[in-house]
mmCIF file of all heavy atoms, coordinates in Angstrom:
data_MODEL
# 
_entry.id   MODEL 
# 
loop_
_atom_site.group_PDB 
_atom_site.id 
_atom_site.type_symbol 
_atom_site.label_atom_id 
_atom_site.label_alt_id 
_atom_site.label_comp_id 
_atom_site.label_asym_id 
_atom_site.label_entity_id 
_atom_site.label_seq_id 
_atom_site.pdbx_PDB_ins_code 
_atom_site.Cartn_x 
_atom_site.Cartn_y 
_atom_site.Cartn_z 
_atom_site.occupancy 
_atom_site.B_iso_or_equiv 
_atom_site.pdbx_formal_charge 
_atom_site.auth_seq_id 
_atom_site.auth_comp_id 
_atom_site.auth_asym_id 
_atom_site.auth_atom_id 
_atom_site.pdbx_PDB_model_num 
ATOM 1   N N   . ALA A 1 1  ? 82.445  -117.029 -113.648 1.00 0.00 ? 1  ALA A N   1 
ATOM 2   C CA  . ALA A 1 1  ? 83.601  -117.485 -112.864 1.00 0.00 ? 1  ALA A CA  1 
ATOM 3   C C   . ALA A 1 1  ? 84.869  -116.698 -113.172 1.00 0.00 ? 1  ALA A C   1 
ATOM 4   O O   . ALA A 1 1  ? 85.603  -116.242 -112.300 1.00 0.00 ? 1  ALA A O   1 
ATOM 5   C CB  . ALA A 1 1  ? 83.879  -119.053 -113.013 1.00 0.00 ? 1  ALA A CB  1 
ATOM 6   N N   . LEU A 1 2  ? 84.989  -116.447 -114.513 1.00 0.00 ? 2  LEU A N   1 
ATOM 7   C CA  . LEU A 1 2  ? 86.183  -115.593 -114.910 1.00 0.00 ? 2  LEU A CA  1 
ATOM 8   C C   . LEU A 1 2  ? 85.981  -114.182 -114.444 1.00 0.00 ? 2  LEU A C   1 
ATOM 9   O O   . LEU A 1 2  ? 86.937  -113.575 -113.985 1.00 0.00 ? 2  LEU A O   1 
ATOM 10  C CB  . LEU A 1 2  ? 86.237  -115.674 -116.476 1.00 0.00 ? 2  LEU A CB  1 
ATOM 11  C CG  . LEU A 1 2  ? 87.362  -114.814 -117.070 1.00 0.00 ? 2  LEU A CG  1 
ATOM 12  C CD1 . LEU A 1 2  ? 88.726  -115.206 -116.535 1.00 0.00 ? 2  LEU A CD1 1 
ATOM 13  C CD2 . LEU A 1 2  ? 87.268  -114.861 -118.603 1.00 0.00 ? 2  LEU A CD2 1 
ATOM 14  N N   . GLN A 1 3  ? 84.822  -113.657 -114.507 1.00 0.00 ? 3  GLN A N   1 
ATOM 15  C CA  . GLN A 1 3  ? 84.588  -112.311 -113.974 1.00 0.00 ? 3  GLN A CA  1 
ATOM 16  C C   . GLN A 1 3  ? 84.915  -112.178 -112.510 1.00 0.00 ? 3  GLN A C   1 
ATOM 17  O O   . GLN A 1 3  ? 85.594  -111.200 -112.140 1.00 0.00 ? 3  GLN A O   1 
ATOM 18  C CB  . GLN A 1 3  ? 83.100  -111.907 -114.248 1.00 0.00 ? 3  GLN A CB  1 
ATOM 19  C CG  . GLN A 1 3  ? 82.784  -111.664 -115.732 1.00 0.00 ? 3  GLN A CG  1 
ATOM 20  C CD  . GLN A 1 3  ? 81.287  -111.470 -115.932 1.00 0.00 ? 3  GLN A CD  1 
ATOM 21  O OE1 . GLN A 1 3  ? 80.452  -111.969 -115.220 1.00 0.00 ? 3  GLN A OE1 1 
ATOM 22  N NE2 . GLN A 1 3  ? 80.990  -110.741 -117.026 1.00 0.00 ? 3  GLN A NE2 1 
ATOM 23  N N   . ILE A 1 4  ? 84.513  -113.073 -111.733 1.00 0.00 ? 4  ILE A N   1 
ATOM 24  C CA  . ILE A 1 4  ? 84.814  -113.107 -110.272 1.00 0.00 ? 4  ILE A CA  1 
ATOM 25  C C   . ILE A 1 4  ? 86.305  -113.198 -110.170 1.00 0.00 ? 4  ILE A C   1 
ATOM 26  O O   . ILE A 1 4  ? 86.894  -112.450 -109.242 1.00 0.00 ? 4  ILE A O   1 
ATOM 27  C CB  . ILE A 1 4  ? 84.102  -114.165 -109.544 1.00 0.00 ? 4  ILE A CB  1 
ATOM 28  C CG1 . ILE A 1 4  ? 82.555  -113.941 -109.667 1.00 0.00 ? 4  ILE A CG1 1 
ATOM 29  C CG2 . ILE A 1 4  ? 84.513  -114.248 -108.116 1.00 0.00 ? 4  ILE A CG2 1 
ATOM 30  C CD1 . ILE A 1 4  ? 82.041  -112.680 -109.074 1.00 0.00 ? 4  ILE A CD1 1 
ATOM 31  N N   . GLU A 1 5  ? 86.980  -113.988 -110.935 1.00 0.00 ? 5  GLU A N   1 
ATOM 32  C CA  . GLU A 1 5  ? 88.506  -114.129 -110.740 1.00 0.00 ? 5  GLU A CA  1 
ATOM 33  C C   . GLU A 1 5  ? 89.200  -112.783 -111.183 1.00 0.00 ? 5  GLU A C   1 
ATOM 34  O O   . GLU A 1 5  ? 90.028  -112.318 -110.486 1.00 0.00 ? 5  GLU A O   1 
ATOM 35  C CB  . GLU A 1 5  ? 89.003  -115.219 -111.626 1.00 0.00 ? 5  GLU A CB  1 
ATOM 36  C CG  . GLU A 1 5  ? 90.494  -115.388 -111.593 1.00 0.00 ? 5  GLU A CG  1 
ATOM 37  C CD  . GLU A 1 5  ? 90.997  -116.516 -112.452 1.00 0.00 ? 5  GLU A CD  1 
ATOM 38  O OE1 . GLU A 1 5  ? 90.277  -117.372 -112.942 1.00 0.00 ? 5  GLU A OE1 1 
ATOM 39  O OE2 . GLU A 1 5  ? 92.233  -116.528 -112.662 1.00 0.00 ? 5  GLU A OE2 1 
ATOM 40  N N   . VAL A 1 6  ? 88.701  -112.166 -112.261 1.00 0.00 ? 6  VAL A N   1 
ATOM 41  C CA  . VAL A 1 6  ? 89.337  -110.964 -112.708 1.00 0.00 ? 6  VAL A CA  1 
ATOM 42  C C   . VAL A 1 6  ? 89.079  -109.855 -111.681 1.00 0.00 ? 6  VAL A C   1 
ATOM 43  O O   . VAL A 1 6  ? 90.058  -109.059 -111.343 1.00 0.00 ? 6  VAL A O   1 
ATOM 44  C CB  . VAL A 1 6  ? 88.756  -110.531 -114.125 1.00 0.00 ? 6  VAL A CB  1 
ATOM 45  C CG1 . VAL A 1 6  ? 89.088  -109.168 -114.513 1.00 0.00 ? 6  VAL A CG1 1 
ATOM 46  C CG2 . VAL A 1 6  ? 89.251  -111.466 -115.234 1.00 0.00 ? 6  VAL A CG2 1 
ATOM 47  N N   . LEU A 1 7  ? 87.910  -109.764 -111.141 1.00 0.00 ? 7  LEU A N   1 
ATOM 48  C CA  . LEU A 1 7  ? 87.653  -108.702 -110.161 1.00 0.00 ? 7  LEU A CA  1 
ATOM 49  C C   . LEU A 1 7  ? 88.488  -108.957 -108.890 1.00 0.00 ? 7  LEU A C   1 
ATOM 50  O O   . LEU A 1 7  ? 88.942  -108.043 -108.266 1.00 0.00 ? 7  LEU A O   1 
ATOM 51  C CB  . LEU A 1 7  ? 86.150  -108.711 -109.843 1.00 0.00 ? 7  LEU A CB  1 
ATOM 52  C CG  . LEU A 1 7  ? 85.216  -108.275 -111.023 1.00 0.00 ? 7  LEU A CG  1 
ATOM 53  C CD1 . LEU A 1 7  ? 83.765  -108.276 -110.590 1.00 0.00 ? 7  LEU A CD1 1 
ATOM 54  C CD2 . LEU A 1 7  ? 85.625  -106.956 -111.614 1.00 0.00 ? 7  LEU A CD2 1 
ATOM 55  N N   . GLY A 1 8  ? 88.583  -110.194 -108.556 1.00 0.00 ? 8  GLY A N   1 
ATOM 56  C CA  . GLY A 1 8  ? 89.469  -110.485 -107.349 1.00 0.00 ? 8  GLY A CA  1 
ATOM 57  C C   . GLY A 1 8  ? 90.907  -110.097 -107.566 1.00 0.00 ? 8  GLY A C   1 
ATOM 58  O O   . GLY A 1 8  ? 91.541  -109.571 -106.677 1.00 0.00 ? 8  GLY A O   1 
ATOM 59  N N   . ARG A 1 9  ? 91.414  -110.351 -108.761 1.00 0.00 ? 9  ARG A N   1 
ATOM 60  C CA  . ARG A 1 9  ? 92.764  -109.988 -109.050 1.00 0.00 ? 9  ARG A CA  1 
ATOM 61  C C   . ARG A 1 9  ? 92.959  -108.396 -109.042 1.00 0.00 ? 9  ARG A C   1 
ATOM 62  O O   . ARG A 1 9  ? 93.908  -107.893 -108.558 1.00 0.00 ? 9  ARG A O   1 
ATOM 63  C CB  . ARG A 1 9  ? 93.222  -110.510 -110.353 1.00 0.00 ? 9  ARG A CB  1 
ATOM 64  C CG  . ARG A 1 9  ? 93.411  -112.009 -110.319 1.00 0.00 ? 9  ARG A CG  1 
ATOM 65  C CD  . ARG A 1 9  ? 93.846  -112.536 -111.709 1.00 0.00 ? 9  ARG A CD  1 
ATOM 66  N NE  . ARG A 1 9  ? 93.901  -113.995 -111.613 1.00 0.00 ? 9  ARG A NE  1 
ATOM 67  C CZ  . ARG A 1 9  ? 95.031  -114.685 -111.588 1.00 0.00 ? 9  ARG A CZ  1 
ATOM 68  N NH1 . ARG A 1 9  ? 96.155  -114.030 -111.499 1.00 0.00 ? 9  ARG A NH1 1 
ATOM 69  N NH2 . ARG A 1 9  ? 95.004  -115.983 -111.495 1.00 0.00 ? 9  ARG A NH2 1 
ATOM 70  N N   . PHE A 1 10 ? 91.892  -107.713 -109.652 1.00 0.00 ? 10 PHE A N   1 
ATOM 71  C CA  . PHE A 1 10 ? 91.946  -106.296 -109.626 1.00 0.00 ? 10 PHE A CA  1 
ATOM 72  C C   . PHE A 1 10 ? 91.947  -105.747 -108.187 1.00 0.00 ? 10 PHE A C   1 
ATOM 73  O O   . PHE A 1 10 ? 92.764  -104.948 -107.809 1.00 0.00 ? 10 PHE A O   1 
ATOM 74  C CB  . PHE A 1 10 ? 90.737  -105.747 -110.399 1.00 0.00 ? 10 PHE A CB  1 
ATOM 75  C CG  . PHE A 1 10 ? 90.681  -104.195 -110.434 1.00 0.00 ? 10 PHE A CG  1 
ATOM 76  C CD1 . PHE A 1 10 ? 91.378  -103.529 -111.416 1.00 0.00 ? 10 PHE A CD1 1 
ATOM 77  C CD2 . PHE A 1 10 ? 90.015  -103.475 -109.514 1.00 0.00 ? 10 PHE A CD2 1 
ATOM 78  C CE1 . PHE A 1 10 ? 91.365  -102.178 -111.488 1.00 0.00 ? 10 PHE A CE1 1 
ATOM 79  C CE2 . PHE A 1 10 ? 89.966  -102.136 -109.573 1.00 0.00 ? 10 PHE A CE2 1 
ATOM 80  C CZ  . PHE A 1 10 ? 90.674  -101.479 -110.519 1.00 0.00 ? 10 PHE A CZ  1 
ATOM 81  N N   . ARG A 1 11 ? 91.045  -106.334 -107.359 1.00 0.00 ? 11 ARG A N   1 
ATOM 82  C CA  . ARG A 1 11 ? 91.003  -105.801 -105.951 1.00 0.00 ? 11 ARG A CA  1 
ATOM 83  C C   . ARG A 1 11 ? 92.319  -106.094 -105.269 1.00 0.00 ? 11 ARG A C   1 
ATOM 84  O O   . ARG A 1 11 ? 92.812  -105.349 -104.472 1.00 0.00 ? 11 ARG A O   1 
ATOM 85  C CB  . ARG A 1 11 ? 89.847  -106.454 -105.197 1.00 0.00 ? 11 ARG A CB  1 
ATOM 86  C CG  . ARG A 1 11 ? 88.498  -105.890 -105.586 1.00 0.00 ? 11 ARG A CG  1 
ATOM 87  C CD  . ARG A 1 11 ? 87.382  -106.325 -104.661 1.00 0.00 ? 11 ARG A CD  1 
ATOM 88  N NE  . ARG A 1 11 ? 87.313  -107.795 -104.629 1.00 0.00 ? 11 ARG A NE  1 
ATOM 89  C CZ  . ARG A 1 11 ? 86.467  -108.487 -105.286 1.00 0.00 ? 11 ARG A CZ  1 
ATOM 90  N NH1 . ARG A 1 11 ? 85.610  -107.941 -106.032 1.00 0.00 ? 11 ARG A NH1 1 
ATOM 91  N NH2 . ARG A 1 11 ? 86.385  -109.814 -105.074 1.00 0.00 ? 11 ARG A NH2 1 
ATOM 92  N N   . GLY A 1 12 ? 92.873  -107.244 -105.600 1.00 0.00 ? 12 GLY A N   1 
ATOM 93  C CA  . GLY A 1 12 ? 94.234  -107.609 -104.992 1.00 0.00 ? 12 GLY A CA  1 
ATOM 94  C C   . GLY A 1 12 ? 95.391  -106.650 -105.403 1.00 0.00 ? 12 GLY A C   1 
ATOM 95  O O   . GLY A 1 12 ? 96.261  -106.531 -104.587 1.00 0.00 ? 12 GLY A O   1 
ATOM 96  N N   . GLN A 1 13 ? 95.287  -106.117 -106.498 1.00 0.00 ? 13 GLN A N   1 
ATOM 97  C CA  . GLN A 1 13 ? 96.265  -105.195 -106.957 1.00 0.00 ? 13 GLN A CA  1 
ATOM 98  C C   . GLN A 1 13 ? 96.124  -103.749 -106.470 1.00 0.00 ? 13 GLN A C   1 
ATOM 99  O O   . GLN A 1 13 ? 97.047  -102.945 -106.477 1.00 0.00 ? 13 GLN A O   1 
ATOM 100 C CB  . GLN A 1 13 ? 96.382  -105.189 -108.506 1.00 0.00 ? 13 GLN A CB  1 
ATOM 101 C CG  . GLN A 1 13 ? 96.864  -106.446 -109.024 1.00 0.00 ? 13 GLN A CG  1 
ATOM 102 C CD  . GLN A 1 13 ? 96.849  -106.436 -110.580 1.00 0.00 ? 13 GLN A CD  1 
ATOM 103 O OE1 . GLN A 1 13 ? 95.999  -105.863 -111.205 1.00 0.00 ? 13 GLN A OE1 1 
ATOM 104 N NE2 . GLN A 1 13 ? 97.894  -107.131 -111.191 1.00 0.00 ? 13 GLN A NE2 1 
ATOM 105 N N   . VAL A 1 14 ? 95.012  -103.484 -105.918 1.00 0.00 ? 14 VAL A N   1 
ATOM 106 C CA  . VAL A 1 14 ? 94.702  -102.096 -105.467 1.00 0.00 ? 14 VAL A CA  1 
ATOM 107 C C   . VAL A 1 14 ? 95.659  -101.665 -104.397 1.00 0.00 ? 14 VAL A C   1 
ATOM 108 O O   . VAL A 1 14 ? 96.058  -100.559 -104.402 1.00 0.00 ? 14 VAL A O   1 
ATOM 109 C CB  . VAL A 1 14 ? 93.190  -102.000 -105.010 1.00 0.00 ? 14 VAL A CB  1 
ATOM 110 C CG1 . VAL A 1 14 ? 92.944  -100.690 -104.205 1.00 0.00 ? 14 VAL A CG1 1 
ATOM 111 C CG2 . VAL A 1 14 ? 92.258  -102.020 -106.276 1.00 0.00 ? 14 VAL A CG2 1 
ATOM 112 N N   . GLU A 1 15 ? 95.973  -102.576 -103.424 1.00 0.00 ? 15 GLU A N   1 
ATOM 113 C CA  . GLU A 1 15 ? 96.839  -102.219 -102.369 1.00 0.00 ? 15 GLU A CA  1 
ATOM 114 C C   . GLU A 1 15 ? 98.241  -101.769 -102.946 1.00 0.00 ? 15 GLU A C   1 
ATOM 115 O O   . GLU A 1 15 ? 98.777  -100.719 -102.476 1.00 0.00 ? 15 GLU A O   1 
ATOM 116 C CB  . GLU A 1 15 ? 97.034  -103.383 -101.425 1.00 0.00 ? 15 GLU A CB  1 
ATOM 117 C CG  . GLU A 1 15 ? 97.840  -103.007 -100.218 1.00 0.00 ? 15 GLU A CG  1 
ATOM 118 C CD  . GLU A 1 15 ? 97.907  -104.195 -99.205  1.00 0.00 ? 15 GLU A CD  1 
ATOM 119 O OE1 . GLU A 1 15 ? 96.901  -104.827 -98.978  1.00 0.00 ? 15 GLU A OE1 1 
ATOM 120 O OE2 . GLU A 1 15 ? 99.015  -104.411 -98.653  1.00 0.00 ? 15 GLU A OE2 1 
ATOM 121 N N   . GLY A 1 16 ? 98.726  -102.461 -103.854 1.00 0.00 ? 16 GLY A N   1 
ATOM 122 C CA  . GLY A 1 16 ? 100.051 -102.106 -104.420 1.00 0.00 ? 16 GLY A CA  1 
ATOM 123 C C   . GLY A 1 16 ? 99.969  -100.817 -105.218 1.00 0.00 ? 16 GLY A C   1 
ATOM 124 O O   . GLY A 1 16 ? 100.831 -99.938  -105.064 1.00 0.00 ? 16 GLY A O   1 
ATOM 125 N N   . TRP A 1 17 ? 98.856  -100.504 -105.931 1.00 0.00 ? 17 TRP A N   1 
ATOM 126 C CA  . TRP A 1 17 ? 98.736  -99.301  -106.656 1.00 0.00 ? 17 TRP A CA  1 
ATOM 127 C C   . TRP A 1 17 ? 98.528  -98.178  -105.660 1.00 0.00 ? 17 TRP A C   1 
ATOM 128 O O   . TRP A 1 17 ? 99.058  -97.119  -105.903 1.00 0.00 ? 17 TRP A O   1 
ATOM 129 C CB  . TRP A 1 17 ? 97.522  -99.286  -107.589 1.00 0.00 ? 17 TRP A CB  1 
ATOM 130 C CG  . TRP A 1 17 ? 97.608  -100.230 -108.801 1.00 0.00 ? 17 TRP A CG  1 
ATOM 131 C CD1 . TRP A 1 17 ? 98.771  -100.438 -109.508 1.00 0.00 ? 17 TRP A CD1 1 
ATOM 132 C CD2 . TRP A 1 17 ? 96.612  -100.971 -109.332 1.00 0.00 ? 17 TRP A CD2 1 
ATOM 133 N NE1 . TRP A 1 17 ? 98.519  -101.346 -110.527 1.00 0.00 ? 17 TRP A NE1 1 
ATOM 134 C CE2 . TRP A 1 17 ? 97.172  -101.650 -110.486 1.00 0.00 ? 17 TRP A CE2 1 
ATOM 135 C CE3 . TRP A 1 17 ? 95.241  -101.214 -109.056 1.00 0.00 ? 17 TRP A CE3 1 
ATOM 136 C CZ2 . TRP A 1 17 ? 96.424  -102.528 -111.265 1.00 0.00 ? 17 TRP A CZ2 1 
ATOM 137 C CZ3 . TRP A 1 17 ? 94.533  -102.083 -109.895 1.00 0.00 ? 17 TRP A CZ3 1 
ATOM 138 C CH2 . TRP A 1 17 ? 95.084  -102.714 -110.976 1.00 0.00 ? 17 TRP A CH2 1 
ATOM 139 N N   . SER A 1 18 ? 97.784  -98.409  -104.600 1.00 0.00 ? 18 SER A N   1 
ATOM 140 C CA  . SER A 1 18 ? 97.634  -97.312  -103.605 1.00 0.00 ? 18 SER A CA  1 
ATOM 141 C C   . SER A 1 18 ? 98.971  -96.934  -102.963 1.00 0.00 ? 18 SER A C   1 
ATOM 142 O O   . SER A 1 18 ? 99.327  -95.825  -102.700 1.00 0.00 ? 18 SER A O   1 
ATOM 143 C CB  . SER A 1 18 ? 96.626  -97.790  -102.543 1.00 0.00 ? 18 SER A CB  1 
ATOM 144 O OG  . SER A 1 18 ? 95.370  -97.959  -103.112 1.00 0.00 ? 18 SER A OG  1 
ATOM 145 N N   . ALA A 1 19 ? 99.756  -97.984  -102.642 1.00 0.00 ? 19 ALA A N   1 
ATOM 146 C CA  . ALA A 1 19 ? 101.083 -97.729  -102.097 1.00 0.00 ? 19 ALA A CA  1 
ATOM 147 C C   . ALA A 1 19 ? 102.027 -96.871  -103.047 1.00 0.00 ? 19 ALA A C   1 
ATOM 148 O O   . ALA A 1 19 ? 102.658 -95.945  -102.663 1.00 0.00 ? 19 ALA A O   1 
ATOM 149 C CB  . ALA A 1 19 ? 101.783 -99.027  -101.686 1.00 0.00 ? 19 ALA A CB  1 
ATOM 150 N N   . ALA A 1 20 ? 101.939 -97.277  -104.316 1.00 0.00 ? 20 ALA A N   1 
ATOM 151 C CA  . ALA A 1 20 ? 102.749 -96.538  -105.342 1.00 0.00 ? 20 ALA A CA  1 
ATOM 152 C C   . ALA A 1 20 ? 102.235 -95.189  -105.547 1.00 0.00 ? 20 ALA A C   1 
ATOM 153 O O   . ALA A 1 20 ? 103.024 -94.241  -105.843 1.00 0.00 ? 20 ALA A O   1 
ATOM 154 C CB  . ALA A 1 20 ? 102.677 -97.400  -106.631 1.00 0.00 ? 20 ALA A CB  1 
ATOM 155 N N   . MET A 1 21 ? 100.933 -94.929  -105.436 1.00 0.00 ? 21 MET A N   1 
ATOM 156 C CA  . MET A 1 21 ? 100.395 -93.639  -105.638 1.00 0.00 ? 21 MET A CA  1 
ATOM 157 C C   . MET A 1 21 ? 100.825 -92.693  -104.422 1.00 0.00 ? 21 MET A C   1 
ATOM 158 O O   . MET A 1 21 ? 100.824 -91.467  -104.553 1.00 0.00 ? 21 MET A O   1 
ATOM 159 C CB  . MET A 1 21 ? 98.874  -93.647  -105.676 1.00 0.00 ? 21 MET A CB  1 
ATOM 160 C CG  . MET A 1 21 ? 98.390  -94.121  -107.061 1.00 0.00 ? 21 MET A CG  1 
ATOM 161 S SD  . MET A 1 21 ? 96.571  -93.951  -107.293 1.00 0.00 ? 21 MET A SD  1 
ATOM 162 C CE  . MET A 1 21 ? 95.954  -95.198  -106.312 1.00 0.00 ? 21 MET A CE  1 
ATOM 163 N N   . ALA A 1 22 ? 101.151 -93.318  -103.332 1.00 0.00 ? 22 ALA A N   1 
ATOM 164 C CA  . ALA A 1 22 ? 101.657 -92.473  -102.211 1.00 0.00 ? 22 ALA A CA  1 
ATOM 165 C C   . ALA A 1 22 ? 103.103 -92.110  -102.311 1.00 0.00 ? 22 ALA A C   1 
ATOM 166 O O   . ALA A 1 22 ? 103.558 -91.235  -101.609 1.00 0.00 ? 22 ALA A O   1 
ATOM 167 C CB  . ALA A 1 22 ? 101.424 -93.353  -100.905 1.00 0.00 ? 22 ALA A CB  1 
ATOM 168 N N   . SER A 1 23 ? 103.756 -92.631  -103.297 1.00 0.00 ? 23 SER A N   1 
ATOM 169 C CA  . SER A 1 23 ? 105.196 -92.323  -103.547 1.00 0.00 ? 23 SER A CA  1 
ATOM 170 C C   . SER A 1 23 ? 105.311 -90.990  -104.362 1.00 0.00 ? 23 SER A C   1 
ATOM 171 O O   . SER A 1 23 ? 104.627 -90.796  -105.420 1.00 0.00 ? 23 SER A O   1 
ATOM 172 C CB  . SER A 1 23 ? 105.875 -93.424  -104.347 1.00 0.00 ? 23 SER A CB  1 
ATOM 173 O OG  . SER A 1 23 ? 107.027 -92.998  -104.904 1.00 0.00 ? 23 SER A OG  1 
ATOM 174 N N   . ALA A 1 24 ? 106.132 -90.095  -103.904 1.00 0.00 ? 24 ALA A N   1 
ATOM 175 C CA  . ALA A 1 24 ? 106.328 -88.840  -104.595 1.00 0.00 ? 24 ALA A CA  1 
ATOM 176 C C   . ALA A 1 24 ? 106.855 -89.105  -105.950 1.00 0.00 ? 24 ALA A C   1 
ATOM 177 O O   . ALA A 1 24 ? 106.460 -88.229  -106.861 1.00 0.00 ? 24 ALA A O   1 
ATOM 178 C CB  . ALA A 1 24 ? 107.301 -87.964  -103.747 1.00 0.00 ? 24 ALA A CB  1 
ATOM 179 N N   . GLN A 1 25 ? 107.628 -90.009  -106.215 1.00 0.00 ? 25 GLN A N   1 
ATOM 180 C CA  . GLN A 1 25 ? 108.148 -90.249  -107.557 1.00 0.00 ? 25 GLN A CA  1 
ATOM 181 C C   . GLN A 1 25 ? 107.253 -91.153  -108.422 1.00 0.00 ? 25 GLN A C   1 
ATOM 182 O O   . GLN A 1 25 ? 107.205 -90.971  -109.655 1.00 0.00 ? 25 GLN A O   1 
ATOM 183 C CB  . GLN A 1 25 ? 109.558 -90.867  -107.487 1.00 0.00 ? 25 GLN A CB  1 
ATOM 184 C CG  . GLN A 1 25 ? 110.572 -89.930  -107.005 1.00 0.00 ? 25 GLN A CG  1 
ATOM 185 C CD  . GLN A 1 25 ? 110.636 -89.765  -105.489 1.00 0.00 ? 25 GLN A CD  1 
ATOM 186 O OE1 . GLN A 1 25 ? 110.247 -90.708  -104.752 1.00 0.00 ? 25 GLN A OE1 1 
ATOM 187 N NE2 . GLN A 1 25 ? 111.108 -88.631  -104.997 1.00 0.00 ? 25 GLN A NE2 1 
ATOM 188 N N   . GLY A 1 26 ? 106.602 -92.088  -107.782 1.00 0.00 ? 26 GLY A N   1 
ATOM 189 C CA  . GLY A 1 26 ? 105.907 -93.134  -108.660 1.00 0.00 ? 26 GLY A CA  1 
ATOM 190 C C   . GLY A 1 26 ? 104.406 -92.938  -108.828 1.00 0.00 ? 26 GLY A C   1 
ATOM 191 O O   . GLY A 1 26 ? 103.759 -93.803  -109.486 1.00 0.00 ? 26 GLY A O   1 
ATOM 192 N N   . TRP A 1 27 ? 103.814 -91.917  -108.342 1.00 0.00 ? 27 TRP A N   1 
ATOM 193 C CA  . TRP A 1 27 ? 102.380 -91.771  -108.388 1.00 0.00 ? 27 TRP A CA  1 
ATOM 194 C C   . TRP A 1 27 ? 101.896 -91.741  -109.821 1.00 0.00 ? 27 TRP A C   1 
ATOM 195 O O   . TRP A 1 27 ? 100.792 -92.355  -110.051 1.00 0.00 ? 27 TRP A O   1 
ATOM 196 C CB  . TRP A 1 27 ? 101.853 -90.714  -107.599 1.00 0.00 ? 27 TRP A CB  1 
ATOM 197 C CG  . TRP A 1 27 ? 102.129 -89.323  -108.035 1.00 0.00 ? 27 TRP A CG  1 
ATOM 198 C CD1 . TRP A 1 27 ? 103.282 -88.508  -107.765 1.00 0.00 ? 27 TRP A CD1 1 
ATOM 199 C CD2 . TRP A 1 27 ? 101.239 -88.503  -108.832 1.00 0.00 ? 27 TRP A CD2 1 
ATOM 200 N NE1 . TRP A 1 27 ? 103.070 -87.285  -108.425 1.00 0.00 ? 27 TRP A NE1 1 
ATOM 201 C CE2 . TRP A 1 27 ? 101.876 -87.274  -109.115 1.00 0.00 ? 27 TRP A CE2 1 
ATOM 202 C CE3 . TRP A 1 27 ? 99.975  -88.716  -109.415 1.00 0.00 ? 27 TRP A CE3 1 
ATOM 203 C CZ2 . TRP A 1 27 ? 101.322 -86.352  -109.853 1.00 0.00 ? 27 TRP A CZ2 1 
ATOM 204 C CZ3 . TRP A 1 27 ? 99.415  -87.803  -110.200 1.00 0.00 ? 27 TRP A CZ3 1 
ATOM 205 C CH2 . TRP A 1 27 ? 100.042 -86.530  -110.431 1.00 0.00 ? 27 TRP A CH2 1 
# 
């Protein structure tokens, strides 16, 4: 159950990381 929760949180953060990686200054 903890593993599924951790993986869900990781997947949820991917969108934010992807947007930040698109930034010329913040990648």
